[in-house]
Amino acid sequence: MNEKILEKFQKILEDRREVLHAHIHTANNSITEIHNQSLSDHADFTSANSQGMLNTSILQQYENELKDIALSLEKIKNKTFGICQMCGDEIDEARLEIKPHARYCIICREIYEKSQN
């Protein structure tokens, strides 16, 4: 992958990282607010508990994506960005446009997902 394309993906990844940090901050604030609420009845408690679990799940997804972004930025530095971790072929640029922190090409992603079920 040429330097100009690597720079483009580096910018995309860095921008996404900043967005995720903002989302994480918001989710953490929301979780804190839920924990600090005075809940008057069972329905309030159930609703707050559900919202807290949802926020925690979303937070985990954001943190996982941040790890993938950090790995992708490291790969850009090492000039190994865009290489499938399973087969070693180049990941199609169109796929990287959609998911710039993709670890696998389309074929290997399907194999990986089937192995996880």
C-alpha atoms as a PDB file:
ATOM      1  CA  MET A   1       0.000   0.000   0.000  1.00  0.00           C
ATOM      2  CA  ASN A   2       1.456   3.345  -0.955  1.00  0.00           C
ATOM      3  CA  GLU A   3       2.304   6.102   1.508  1.00  0.00           C
ATOM      4  CA  LYS A   4      -0.564   8.387   0.487  1.00  0.00           C
ATOM      5  CA  ILE A   5      -3.151   5.663   1.112  1.00  0.00           C
ATOM      6  CA  LEU A   6      -1.539   4.795   4.453  1.00  0.00           C
ATOM      7  CA  GLU A   7      -1.720   8.462   5.488  1.00  0.00           C
ATOM      8  CA  LYS A   8      -5.393   8.569   4.512  1.00  0.00           C
ATOM      9  CA  PHE A   9      -6.197   5.541   6.668  1.00  0.00           C
ATOM     10  CA  GLN A  10      -4.081   6.863   9.527  1.00  0.00           C
ATOM     11  CA  LYS A  11      -6.172  10.052   9.533  1.00  0.00           C
ATOM     12  CA  ILE A  12      -9.431   8.069   9.392  1.00  0.00           C
ATOM     13  CA  LEU A  13      -8.309   5.867  12.294  1.00  0.00           C
ATOM     14  CA  GLU A  14      -7.099   8.804  14.400  1.00  0.00           C
ATOM     15  CA  ASP A  15     -10.369  10.662  13.822  1.00  0.00           C
ATOM     16  CA  ARG A  16     -12.389   7.588  14.790  1.00  0.00           C
ATOM     17  CA  ARG A  17     -10.247   7.165  17.912  1.00  0.00           C
ATOM     18  CA  GLU A  18     -11.127  10.710  18.997  1.00  0.00           C
ATOM     19  CA  VAL A  19     -14.842  10.079  18.408  1.00  0.00           C
ATOM     20  CA  LEU A  20     -14.661   6.876  20.454  1.00  0.00           C
ATOM     21  CA  HIS A  21     -12.915   8.664  23.326  1.00  0.00           C
ATOM     22  CA  ALA A  22     -15.762  11.196  23.388  1.00  0.00           C
ATOM     23  CA  HIS A  23     -18.365   8.401  23.317  1.00  0.00           C
ATOM     24  CA  ILE A  24     -16.583   6.574  26.137  1.00  0.00           C
ATOM     25  CA  HIS A  25     -16.551   9.738  28.228  1.00  0.00           C
ATOM     26  CA  THR A  26     -20.294  10.190  27.637  1.00  0.00           C
ATOM     27  CA  ALA A  27     -21.056   6.535  28.421  1.00  0.00           C
ATOM     28  CA  ASN A  28     -19.009   6.682  31.620  1.00  0.00           C
ATOM     29  CA  ASN A  29     -20.882   9.807  32.709  1.00  0.00           C
ATOM     30  CA  SER A  30     -24.184   8.085  31.994  1.00  0.00           C
ATOM     31  CA  ILE A  31     -23.173   5.035  34.033  1.00  0.00           C
ATOM     32  CA  THR A  32     -22.129   7.302  36.918  1.00  0.00           C
ATOM     33  CA  GLU A  33     -25.475   9.119  36.779  1.00  0.00           C
ATOM     34  CA  ILE A  34     -27.335   5.809  36.880  1.00  0.00           C
ATOM     35  CA  HIS A  35     -25.370   4.688  39.932  1.00  0.00           C
ATOM     36  CA  ASN A  36     -26.052   7.990  41.697  1.00  0.00           C
ATOM     37  CA  GLN A  37     -29.819   7.950  41.121  1.00  0.00           C
ATOM     38  CA  SER A  38     -32.251   7.596  43.984  1.00  0.00           C
ATOM     39  CA  LEU A  39     -34.556   4.844  42.837  1.00  0.00           C
ATOM     40  CA  SER A  40     -37.995   4.950  44.402  1.00  0.00           C
ATOM     41  CA  ASP A  41     -39.520   1.712  43.173  1.00  0.00           C
ATOM     42  CA  HIS A  42     -38.795  -1.619  41.529  1.00  0.00           C
ATOM     43  CA  ALA A  43     -39.647  -0.328  38.034  1.00  0.00           C
ATOM     44  CA  ASP A  44     -37.141   2.510  38.382  1.00  0.00           C
ATOM     45  CA  PHE A  45     -34.499   0.071  39.575  1.00  0.00           C
ATOM     46  CA  THR A  46     -35.191  -2.345  36.705  1.00  0.00           C
ATOM     47  CA  SER A  47     -35.049   0.449  34.137  1.00  0.00           C
ATOM     48  CA  ALA A  48     -31.823   1.868  35.565  1.00  0.00           C
ATOM     49  CA  ASN A  49     -30.279  -1.591  35.731  1.00  0.00           C
ATOM     50  CA  SER A  50     -31.161  -2.291  32.092  1.00  0.00           C
ATOM     51  CA  GLN A  51     -29.770   1.071  30.996  1.00  0.00           C
ATOM     52  CA  GLY A  52     -26.595   0.486  32.989  1.00  0.00           C
ATOM     53  CA  MET A  53     -26.081  -2.936  31.413  1.00  0.00           C
ATOM     54  CA  LEU A  54     -26.660  -1.479  27.943  1.00  0.00           C
ATOM     55  CA  ASN A  55     -24.173   1.334  28.568  1.00  0.00           C
ATOM     56  CA  THR A  56     -21.616  -1.149  29.889  1.00  0.00           C
ATOM     57  CA  SER A  57     -22.031  -3.305  26.784  1.00  0.00           C
ATOM     58  CA  ILE A  58     -21.649  -0.301  24.488  1.00  0.00           C
ATOM     59  CA  LEU A  59     -18.611   0.827  26.458  1.00  0.00           C
ATOM     60  CA  GLN A  60     -17.004  -2.596  25.962  1.00  0.00           C
ATOM     61  CA  GLN A  61     -17.619  -2.387  22.206  1.00  0.00           C
ATOM     62  CA  TYR A  62     -15.986   1.041  22.090  1.00  0.00           C
ATOM     63  CA  GLU A  63     -12.985  -0.205  24.047  1.00  0.00           C
ATOM     64  CA  ASN A  64     -12.599  -3.221  21.747  1.00  0.00           C
ATOM     65  CA  GLU A  65     -12.715  -0.942  18.713  1.00  0.00           C
ATOM     66  CA  LEU A  66     -10.068   1.308  20.305  1.00  0.00           C
ATOM     67  CA  LYS A  67      -7.793  -1.728  20.701  1.00  0.00           C
ATOM     68  CA  ASP A  68      -8.322  -2.622  17.037  1.00  0.00           C
ATOM     69  CA  ILE A  69      -7.570   0.966  16.022  1.00  0.00           C
ATOM     70  CA  ALA A  70      -4.365   0.997  18.093  1.00  0.00           C
ATOM     71  CA  LEU A  71      -3.293  -2.234  16.403  1.00  0.00           C
ATOM     72  CA  SER A  72      -4.072  -0.787  12.963  1.00  0.00           C
ATOM     73  CA  LEU A  73      -2.112   2.395  13.688  1.00  0.00           C
ATOM     74  CA  GLU A  74       0.842   0.243  14.763  1.00  0.00           C
ATOM     75  CA  LYS A  75       0.529  -1.710  11.506  1.00  0.00           C
ATOM     76  CA  ILE A  76       0.610   1.548   9.554  1.00  0.00           C
ATOM     77  CA  LYS A  77       3.884   2.400  11.301  1.00  0.00           C
ATOM     78  CA  ASN A  78       5.261  -1.043  10.468  1.00  0.00           C
ATOM     79  CA  LYS A  79       3.970  -0.905   6.868  1.00  0.00           C
ATOM     80  CA  THR A  80       1.868  -4.040   7.452  1.00  0.00           C
ATOM     81  CA  PHE A  81      -1.509  -2.303   7.417  1.00  0.00           C
ATOM     82  CA  GLY A  82      -4.120  -3.853   5.154  1.00  0.00           C
ATOM     83  CA  ILE A  83      -2.690  -7.371   5.308  1.00  0.00           C
ATOM     84  CA  CYS A  84      -5.075 -10.151   6.367  1.00  0.00           C
ATOM     85  CA  GLN A  85      -3.929 -11.741   9.631  1.00  0.00           C
ATOM     86  CA  MET A  86      -5.193 -15.132   8.509  1.00  0.00           C
ATOM     87  CA  CYS A  87      -4.103 -15.605   4.890  1.00  0.00           C
ATOM     88  CA  GLY A  88      -1.544 -12.813   4.439  1.00  0.00           C
ATOM     89  CA  ASP A  89      -3.239 -11.370   1.354  1.00  0.00           C
ATOM     90  CA  GLU A  90      -4.038  -7.688   1.015  1.00  0.00           C
ATOM     91  CA  ILE A  91      -7.403  -6.638   2.383  1.00  0.00           C
ATOM     92  CA  ASP A  92      -9.437  -4.965  -0.340  1.00  0.00           C
ATOM     93  CA  GLU A  93      -9.270  -1.184  -0.039  1.00  0.00           C
ATOM     94  CA  ALA A  94     -13.066  -0.959  -0.335  1.00  0.00           C
ATOM     95  CA  ARG A  95     -13.355  -3.122   2.802  1.00  0.00           C
ATOM     96  CA  LEU A  96     -10.868  -0.895   4.618  1.00  0.00           C
ATOM     97  CA  GLU A  97     -12.912   2.153   3.607  1.00  0.00           C
ATOM     98  CA  ILE A  98     -15.867   0.630   5.475  1.00  0.00           C
ATOM     99  CA  LYS A  99     -13.907  -0.831   8.393  1.00  0.00           C
ATOM    100  CA  PRO A 100     -10.385   0.616   8.448  1.00  0.00           C
ATOM    101  CA  HIS A 101      -9.391  -1.495  11.452  1.00  0.00           C
ATOM    102  CA  ALA A 102     -10.356  -4.774   9.731  1.00  0.00           C
ATOM    103  CA  ARG A 103      -8.027  -7.647  10.585  1.00  0.00           C
ATOM    104  CA  TYR A 104      -9.221 -10.058   7.926  1.00  0.00           C
ATOM    105  CA  CYS A 105     -10.143 -10.044   4.264  1.00  0.00           C
ATOM    106  CA  ILE A 106     -13.786 -10.858   3.480  1.00  0.00           C
ATOM    107  CA  ILE A 107     -13.182 -14.575   2.897  1.00  0.00           C
ATOM    108  CA  CYS A 108     -11.151 -15.053   6.071  1.00  0.00           C
ATOM    109  CA  ARG A 109     -13.611 -12.980   8.099  1.00  0.00           C
ATOM    110  CA  GLU A 110     -16.366 -15.414   7.132  1.00  0.00           C
ATOM    111  CA  ILE A 111     -14.156 -18.362   8.111  1.00  0.00           C
ATOM    112  CA  TYR A 112     -13.311 -16.684  11.422  1.00  0.00           C
ATOM    113  CA  GLU A 113     -16.955 -15.911  12.218  1.00  0.00           C
ATOM    114  CA  LYS A 114     -18.027 -19.492  11.454  1.00  0.00           C
ATOM    115  CA  SER A 115     -15.310 -20.799  13.763  1.00  0.00           C
ATOM    116  CA  GLN A 116     -16.625 -18.584  16.583  1.00  0.00           C
ATOM    117  CA  ASN A 117     -20.140 -20.094  16.460  1.00  0.00           C
END
